[in-house]
Amino acid sequence: MKQFNDKCPFCGGQLSHDGEESVGTWREGYEGDDEALIHYMRCRTCGRDFEVFDPTKEERETDYKEYWNDTK
């Protein structure tokens, strides 16, 4: 399990990474985007679950291209 410095927005507890999978074609805007992932997060204090989606392919190539080009 990956550990993050991110804190829960509700209680301030530590978030843990509970896995990830391809967003695939099941969500609007991600059709044909095999690289986008959904990350499952859980607060270790209050138990809340979070789903964090990568930006769409179009967003990665335009709005956030500096970050995504650096991570390849």
PDB file of N, CA and C in Angstrom:
ATOM      1  N   MET A   1       0.833  -1.177   0.000  1.00  0.00           N
ATOM      2  CA  MET A   1       0.000   0.000   0.000  1.00  0.00           C
ATOM      3  C   MET A   1       0.883   1.247   0.000  1.00  0.00           C
ATOM      4  N   LYS A   2       0.632   2.165  -0.942  1.00  0.00           N
ATOM      5  CA  LYS A   2       1.389   3.409  -1.001  1.00  0.00           C
ATOM      6  C   LYS A   2       0.916   4.349   0.099  1.00  0.00           C
ATOM      7  N   GLN A   3       1.835   5.116   0.639  1.00  0.00           N
ATOM      8  CA  GLN A   3       1.476   6.118   1.642  1.00  0.00           C
ATOM      9  C   GLN A   3       1.648   7.501   1.030  1.00  0.00           C
ATOM     10  N   PHE A   4       0.749   8.384   1.323  1.00  0.00           N
ATOM     11  CA  PHE A   4       0.773   9.733   0.787  1.00  0.00           C
ATOM     12  C   PHE A   4       0.860  10.732   1.931  1.00  0.00           C
ATOM     13  N   ASN A   5       1.363  11.900   1.641  1.00  0.00           N
ATOM     14  CA  ASN A   5       1.385  12.981   2.618  1.00  0.00           C
ATOM     15  C   ASN A   5       0.038  13.680   2.692  1.00  0.00           C
ATOM     16  N   ASP A   6      -0.870  13.319   1.781  1.00  0.00           N
ATOM     17  CA  ASP A   6      -2.171  13.965   1.729  1.00  0.00           C
ATOM     18  C   ASP A   6      -2.997  13.616   2.954  1.00  0.00           C
ATOM     19  N   LYS A   7      -3.759  14.573   3.380  1.00  0.00           N
ATOM     20  CA  LYS A   7      -4.620  14.406   4.553  1.00  0.00           C
ATOM     21  C   LYS A   7      -6.080  14.360   4.121  1.00  0.00           C
ATOM     22  N   CYS A   8      -6.872  13.679   4.880  1.00  0.00           N
ATOM     23  CA  CYS A   8      -8.306  13.610   4.640  1.00  0.00           C
ATOM     24  C   CYS A   8      -8.895  15.009   4.784  1.00  0.00           C
ATOM     25  N   PRO A   9      -9.713  15.453   3.820  1.00  0.00           N
ATOM     26  CA  PRO A   9     -10.309  16.785   3.928  1.00  0.00           C
ATOM     27  C   PRO A   9     -11.379  16.878   5.008  1.00  0.00           C
ATOM     28  N   PHE A  10     -11.827  15.743   5.548  1.00  0.00           N
ATOM     29  CA  PHE A  10     -12.878  15.751   6.556  1.00  0.00           C
ATOM     30  C   PHE A  10     -12.330  15.723   7.978  1.00  0.00           C
ATOM     31  N   CYS A  11     -11.339  14.849   8.226  1.00  0.00           N
ATOM     32  CA  CYS A  11     -10.863  14.707   9.610  1.00  0.00           C
ATOM     33  C   CYS A  11      -9.371  15.004   9.765  1.00  0.00           C
ATOM     34  N   GLY A  12      -8.653  15.151   8.661  1.00  0.00           N
ATOM     35  CA  GLY A  12      -7.217  15.416   8.723  1.00  0.00           C
ATOM     36  C   GLY A  12      -6.364  14.172   8.877  1.00  0.00           C
ATOM     37  N   GLY A  13      -6.987  12.991   8.842  1.00  0.00           N
ATOM     38  CA  GLY A  13      -6.251  11.737   8.968  1.00  0.00           C
ATOM     39  C   GLY A  13      -5.427  11.410   7.735  1.00  0.00           C
ATOM     40  N   GLN A  14      -4.552  10.434   7.874  1.00  0.00           N
ATOM     41  CA  GLN A  14      -3.673  10.006   6.786  1.00  0.00           C
ATOM     42  C   GLN A  14      -4.450   9.208   5.739  1.00  0.00           C
ATOM     43  N   LEU A  15      -4.267   9.550   4.448  1.00  0.00           N
ATOM     44  CA  LEU A  15      -4.883   8.781   3.374  1.00  0.00           C
ATOM     45  C   LEU A  15      -3.944   7.661   2.949  1.00  0.00           C
ATOM     46  N   SER A  16      -4.497   6.491   2.694  1.00  0.00           N
ATOM     47  CA  SER A  16      -3.707   5.385   2.167  1.00  0.00           C
ATOM     48  C   SER A  16      -4.247   5.011   0.793  1.00  0.00           C
ATOM     49  N   HIS A  17      -3.374   4.474  -0.029  1.00  0.00           N
ATOM     50  CA  HIS A  17      -3.699   4.089  -1.392  1.00  0.00           C
ATOM     51  C   HIS A  17      -4.155   2.637  -1.360  1.00  0.00           C
ATOM     52  N   ASP A  18      -5.413   2.377  -1.750  1.00  0.00           N
ATOM     53  CA  ASP A  18      -5.968   1.029  -1.687  1.00  0.00           C
ATOM     54  C   ASP A  18      -6.009   0.332  -3.035  1.00  0.00           C
ATOM     55  N   GLY A  19      -5.353   0.887  -4.048  1.00  0.00           N
ATOM     56  CA  GLY A  19      -5.312   0.251  -5.357  1.00  0.00           C
ATOM     57  C   GLY A  19      -5.668   1.212  -6.460  1.00  0.00           C
ATOM     58  N   GLU A  20      -5.594   0.680  -7.681  1.00  0.00           N
ATOM     59  CA  GLU A  20      -5.914   1.488  -8.850  1.00  0.00           C
ATOM     60  C   GLU A  20      -6.292   0.562  -9.991  1.00  0.00           C
ATOM     61  N   GLU A  21      -6.995   1.117 -10.961  1.00  0.00           N
ATOM     62  CA  GLU A  21      -7.340   0.373 -12.161  1.00  0.00           C
ATOM     63  C   GLU A  21      -7.552   1.352 -13.296  1.00  0.00           C
ATOM     64  N   SER A  22      -7.579   0.829 -14.501  1.00  0.00           N
ATOM     65  CA  SER A  22      -7.774   1.675 -15.675  1.00  0.00           C
ATOM     66  C   SER A  22      -9.193   2.237 -15.685  1.00  0.00           C
ATOM     67  N   VAL A  23      -9.307   3.510 -15.995  1.00  0.00           N
ATOM     68  CA  VAL A  23     -10.632   4.116 -16.110  1.00  0.00           C
ATOM     69  C   VAL A  23     -11.364   3.502 -17.294  1.00  0.00           C
ATOM     70  N   GLY A  24     -10.594   3.196 -18.369  1.00  0.00           N
ATOM     71  CA  GLY A  24     -11.171   2.548 -19.539  1.00  0.00           C
ATOM     72  C   GLY A  24     -12.249   3.387 -20.194  1.00  0.00           C
ATOM     73  N   THR A  25     -13.244   2.717 -20.720  1.00  0.00           N
ATOM     74  CA  THR A  25     -14.288   3.411 -21.477  1.00  0.00           C
ATOM     75  C   THR A  25     -15.570   3.586 -20.679  1.00  0.00           C
ATOM     76  N   TRP A  26     -15.556   3.287 -19.380  1.00  0.00           N
ATOM     77  CA  TRP A  26     -16.801   3.329 -18.614  1.00  0.00           C
ATOM     78  C   TRP A  26     -17.177   4.714 -18.120  1.00  0.00           C
ATOM     79  N   ARG A  27     -16.275   5.690 -18.250  1.00  0.00           N
ATOM     80  CA  ARG A  27     -16.597   7.035 -17.802  1.00  0.00           C
ATOM     81  C   ARG A  27     -16.502   8.008 -18.970  1.00  0.00           C
ATOM     82  N   GLU A  28     -17.477   8.892 -19.112  1.00  0.00           N
ATOM     83  CA  GLU A  28     -17.519   9.856 -20.194  1.00  0.00           C
ATOM     84  C   GLU A  28     -16.237  10.691 -20.239  1.00  0.00           C
ATOM     85  N   GLY A  29     -15.668  10.857 -21.424  1.00  0.00           N
ATOM     86  CA  GLY A  29     -14.460  11.652 -21.596  1.00  0.00           C
ATOM     87  C   GLY A  29     -13.192  10.822 -21.607  1.00  0.00           C
ATOM     88  N   TYR A  30     -13.281   9.540 -21.236  1.00  0.00           N
ATOM     89  CA  TYR A  30     -12.105   8.679 -21.168  1.00  0.00           C
ATOM     90  C   TYR A  30     -12.114   7.621 -22.268  1.00  0.00           C
ATOM     91  N   GLU A  31     -13.029   7.723 -23.229  1.00  0.00           N
ATOM     92  CA  GLU A  31     -13.142   6.707 -24.267  1.00  0.00           C
ATOM     93  C   GLU A  31     -11.824   6.559 -25.027  1.00  0.00           C
ATOM     94  N   GLY A  32     -11.310   5.356 -25.065  1.00  0.00           N
ATOM     95  CA  GLY A  32     -10.068   5.079 -25.764  1.00  0.00           C
ATOM     96  C   GLY A  32      -8.820   5.507 -25.010  1.00  0.00           C
ATOM     97  N   ASP A  33      -8.960   5.927 -23.765  1.00  0.00           N
ATOM     98  CA  ASP A  33      -7.828   6.393 -22.970  1.00  0.00           C
ATOM     99  C   ASP A  33      -7.399   5.283 -22.014  1.00  0.00           C
ATOM    100  N   ASP A  34      -6.512   4.425 -22.497  1.00  0.00           N
ATOM    101  CA  ASP A  34      -6.088   3.273 -21.702  1.00  0.00           C
ATOM    102  C   ASP A  34      -5.062   3.622 -20.636  1.00  0.00           C
ATOM    103  N   GLU A  35      -4.485   4.818 -20.680  1.00  0.00           N
ATOM    104  CA  GLU A  35      -3.460   5.204 -19.717  1.00  0.00           C
ATOM    105  C   GLU A  35      -4.023   5.845 -18.457  1.00  0.00           C
ATOM    106  N   ALA A  36      -5.253   6.344 -18.525  1.00  0.00           N
ATOM    107  CA  ALA A  36      -5.856   7.013 -17.367  1.00  0.00           C
ATOM    108  C   ALA A  36      -6.219   5.985 -16.304  1.00  0.00           C
ATOM    109  N   LEU A  37      -5.913   6.322 -15.058  1.00  0.00           N
ATOM    110  CA  LEU A  37      -6.192   5.428 -13.941  1.00  0.00           C
ATOM    111  C   LEU A  37      -7.141   6.079 -12.952  1.00  0.00           C
ATOM    112  N   ILE A  38      -7.861   5.243 -12.237  1.00  0.00           N
ATOM    113  CA  ILE A  38      -8.625   5.689 -11.090  1.00  0.00           C
ATOM    114  C   ILE A  38      -7.900   5.121  -9.867  1.00  0.00           C
ATOM    115  N   HIS A  39      -7.620   5.983  -8.899  1.00  0.00           N
ATOM    116  CA  HIS A  39      -6.895   5.595  -7.696  1.00  0.00           C
ATOM    117  C   HIS A  39      -7.885   5.551  -6.534  1.00  0.00           C
ATOM    118  N   TYR A  40      -7.854   4.468  -5.793  1.00  0.00           N
ATOM    119  CA  TYR A  40      -8.750   4.310  -4.650  1.00  0.00           C
ATOM    120  C   TYR A  40      -7.987   4.666  -3.379  1.00  0.00           C
ATOM    121  N   MET A  41      -8.525   5.621  -2.628  1.00  0.00           N
ATOM    122  CA  MET A  41      -7.892   6.106  -1.410  1.00  0.00           C
ATOM    123  C   MET A  41      -8.853   5.884  -0.239  1.00  0.00           C
ATOM    124  N   ARG A  42      -8.276   5.682   0.955  1.00  0.00           N
ATOM    125  CA  ARG A  42      -9.081   5.513   2.164  1.00  0.00           C
ATOM    126  C   ARG A  42      -8.407   6.250   3.305  1.00  0.00           C
ATOM    127  N   CYS A  43      -9.219   6.920   4.109  1.00  0.00           N
ATOM    128  CA  CYS A  43      -8.701   7.585   5.300  1.00  0.00           C
ATOM    129  C   CYS A  43      -8.517   6.539   6.392  1.00  0.00           C
ATOM    130  N   ARG A  44      -7.336   6.526   6.981  1.00  0.00           N
ATOM    131  CA  ARG A  44      -7.020   5.543   8.021  1.00  0.00           C
ATOM    132  C   ARG A  44      -7.644   5.922   9.370  1.00  0.00           C
ATOM    133  N   THR A  45      -8.166   7.139   9.484  1.00  0.00           N
ATOM    134  CA  THR A  45      -8.764   7.583  10.742  1.00  0.00           C
ATOM    135  C   THR A  45     -10.282   7.446  10.738  1.00  0.00           C
ATOM    136  N   CYS A  46     -10.947   8.036   9.722  1.00  0.00           N
ATOM    137  CA  CYS A  46     -12.421   8.037   9.721  1.00  0.00           C
ATOM    138  C   CYS A  46     -13.026   7.006   8.768  1.00  0.00           C
ATOM    139  N   GLY A  47     -12.206   6.375   7.917  1.00  0.00           N
ATOM    140  CA  GLY A  47     -12.699   5.318   7.045  1.00  0.00           C
ATOM    141  C   GLY A  47     -13.365   5.779   5.765  1.00  0.00           C
ATOM    142  N   ARG A  48     -13.353   7.071   5.478  1.00  0.00           N
ATOM    143  CA  ARG A  48     -13.959   7.543   4.239  1.00  0.00           C
ATOM    144  C   ARG A  48     -13.151   7.053   3.039  1.00  0.00           C
ATOM    145  N   ASP A  49     -13.874   6.741   1.939  1.00  0.00           N
ATOM    146  CA  ASP A  49     -13.245   6.304   0.700  1.00  0.00           C
ATOM    147  C   ASP A  49     -13.284   7.426  -0.328  1.00  0.00           C
ATOM    148  N   PHE A  50     -12.225   7.491  -1.140  1.00  0.00           N
ATOM    149  CA  PHE A  50     -12.126   8.500  -2.197  1.00  0.00           C
ATOM    150  C   PHE A  50     -11.725   7.822  -3.491  1.00  0.00           C
ATOM    151  N   GLU A  51     -12.262   8.295  -4.602  1.00  0.00           N
ATOM    152  CA  GLU A  51     -11.853   7.855  -5.929  1.00  0.00           C
ATOM    153  C   GLU A  51     -11.216   9.058  -6.613  1.00  0.00           C
ATOM    154  N   VAL A  52      -9.971   8.904  -7.022  1.00  0.00           N
ATOM    155  CA  VAL A  52      -9.224   9.999  -7.643  1.00  0.00           C
ATOM    156  C   VAL A  52      -8.941   9.611  -9.087  1.00  0.00           C
ATOM    157  N   PHE A  53      -9.479  10.389 -10.023  1.00  0.00           N
ATOM    158  CA  PHE A  53      -9.324  10.102 -11.440  1.00  0.00           C
ATOM    159  C   PHE A  53      -8.173  10.892 -12.038  1.00  0.00           C
ATOM    160  N   ASP A  54      -7.345  10.218 -12.853  1.00  0.00           N
ATOM    161  CA  ASP A  54      -6.356  10.936 -13.653  1.00  0.00           C
ATOM    162  C   ASP A  54      -7.099  11.829 -14.639  1.00  0.00           C
ATOM    163  N   PRO A  55      -6.483  12.922 -15.092  1.00  0.00           N
ATOM    164  CA  PRO A  55      -7.110  13.743 -16.118  1.00  0.00           C
ATOM    165  C   PRO A  55      -7.273  12.939 -17.410  1.00  0.00           C
ATOM    166  N   THR A  56      -8.186  13.364 -18.255  1.00  0.00           N
ATOM    167  CA  THR A  56      -8.365  12.701 -19.547  1.00  0.00           C
ATOM    168  C   THR A  56      -7.119  12.897 -20.406  1.00  0.00           C
ATOM    169  N   LYS A  57      -7.015  12.116 -21.458  1.00  0.00           N
ATOM    170  CA  LYS A  57      -5.874  12.214 -22.371  1.00  0.00           C
ATOM    171  C   LYS A  57      -5.751  13.632 -22.931  1.00  0.00           C
ATOM    172  N   GLU A  58      -6.883  14.209 -23.317  1.00  0.00           N
ATOM    173  CA  GLU A  58      -6.882  15.581 -23.851  1.00  0.00           C
ATOM    174  C   GLU A  58      -6.360  16.570 -22.809  1.00  0.00           C
ATOM    175  N   GLU A  59      -6.808  16.445 -21.564  1.00  0.00           N
ATOM    176  CA  GLU A  59      -6.335  17.336 -20.501  1.00  0.00           C
ATOM    177  C   GLU A  59      -4.848  17.150 -20.225  1.00  0.00           C
ATOM    178  N   ARG A  60      -4.378  15.888 -20.259  1.00  0.00           N
ATOM    179  CA  ARG A  60      -2.950  15.624 -20.033  1.00  0.00           C
ATOM    180  C   ARG A  60      -2.086  16.237 -21.136  1.00  0.00           C
ATOM    181  N   GLU A  61      -2.630  16.313 -22.343  1.00  0.00           N
ATOM    182  CA  GLU A  61      -1.871  16.847 -23.479  1.00  0.00           C
ATOM    183  C   GLU A  61      -1.976  18.365 -23.606  1.00  0.00           C
ATOM    184  N   THR A  62      -2.931  18.979 -22.906  1.00  0.00           N
ATOM    185  CA  THR A  62      -3.105  20.433 -23.016  1.00  0.00           C
ATOM    186  C   THR A  62      -2.935  21.130 -21.668  1.00  0.00           C
ATOM    187  N   ASP A  63      -3.928  21.013 -20.816  1.00  0.00           N
ATOM    188  CA  ASP A  63      -3.958  21.760 -19.553  1.00  0.00           C
ATOM    189  C   ASP A  63      -2.830  21.396 -18.592  1.00  0.00           C
ATOM    190  N   TYR A  64      -2.450  20.120 -18.564  1.00  0.00           N
ATOM    191  CA  TYR A  64      -1.479  19.642 -17.574  1.00  0.00           C
ATOM    192  C   TYR A  64      -0.246  19.035 -18.225  1.00  0.00           C
ATOM    193  N   LYS A  65       0.065  19.468 -19.451  1.00  0.00           N
ATOM    194  CA  LYS A  65       1.127  18.819 -20.223  1.00  0.00           C
ATOM    195  C   LYS A  65       2.503  18.933 -19.570  1.00  0.00           C
ATOM    196  N   GLU A  66       2.784  20.010 -18.872  1.00  0.00           N
ATOM    197  CA  GLU A  66       4.097  20.142 -18.233  1.00  0.00           C
ATOM    198  C   GLU A  66       4.308  19.045 -17.194  1.00  0.00           C
ATOM    199  N   TYR A  67       3.314  18.776 -16.379  1.00  0.00           N
ATOM    200  CA  TYR A  67       3.432  17.726 -15.365  1.00  0.00           C
ATOM    201  C   TYR A  67       3.533  16.359 -16.024  1.00  0.00           C
ATOM    202  N   TRP A  68       2.612  16.042 -16.935  1.00  0.00           N
ATOM    203  CA  TRP A  68       2.542  14.708 -17.509  1.00  0.00           C
ATOM    204  C   TRP A  68       3.726  14.409 -18.418  1.00  0.00           C
ATOM    205  N   ASN A  69       4.305  15.413 -19.067  1.00  0.00           N
ATOM    206  CA  ASN A  69       5.503  15.174 -19.884  1.00  0.00           C
ATOM    207  C   ASN A  69       6.698  14.874 -19.000  1.00  0.00           C
ATOM    208  N   ASP A  70       6.744  15.440 -17.807  1.00  0.00           N
ATOM    209  CA  ASP A  70       7.849  15.206 -16.874  1.00  0.00           C
ATOM    210  C   ASP A  70       7.792  13.836 -16.219  1.00  0.00           C
ATOM    211  N   THR A  71       6.606  13.212 -16.163  1.00  0.00           N
ATOM    212  CA  THR A  71       6.468  11.935 -15.463  1.00  0.00           C
ATOM    213  C   THR A  71       6.722  10.747 -16.364  1.00  0.00           C
ATOM    214  N   LYS A  72       6.907  10.963 -17.651  1.00  0.00           N
ATOM    215  CA  LYS A  72       7.136   9.843 -18.578  1.00  0.00           C
ATOM    216  C   LYS A  72       8.581   9.432 -18.598  1.00  0.00           C
TER     217      LYS A  72
END
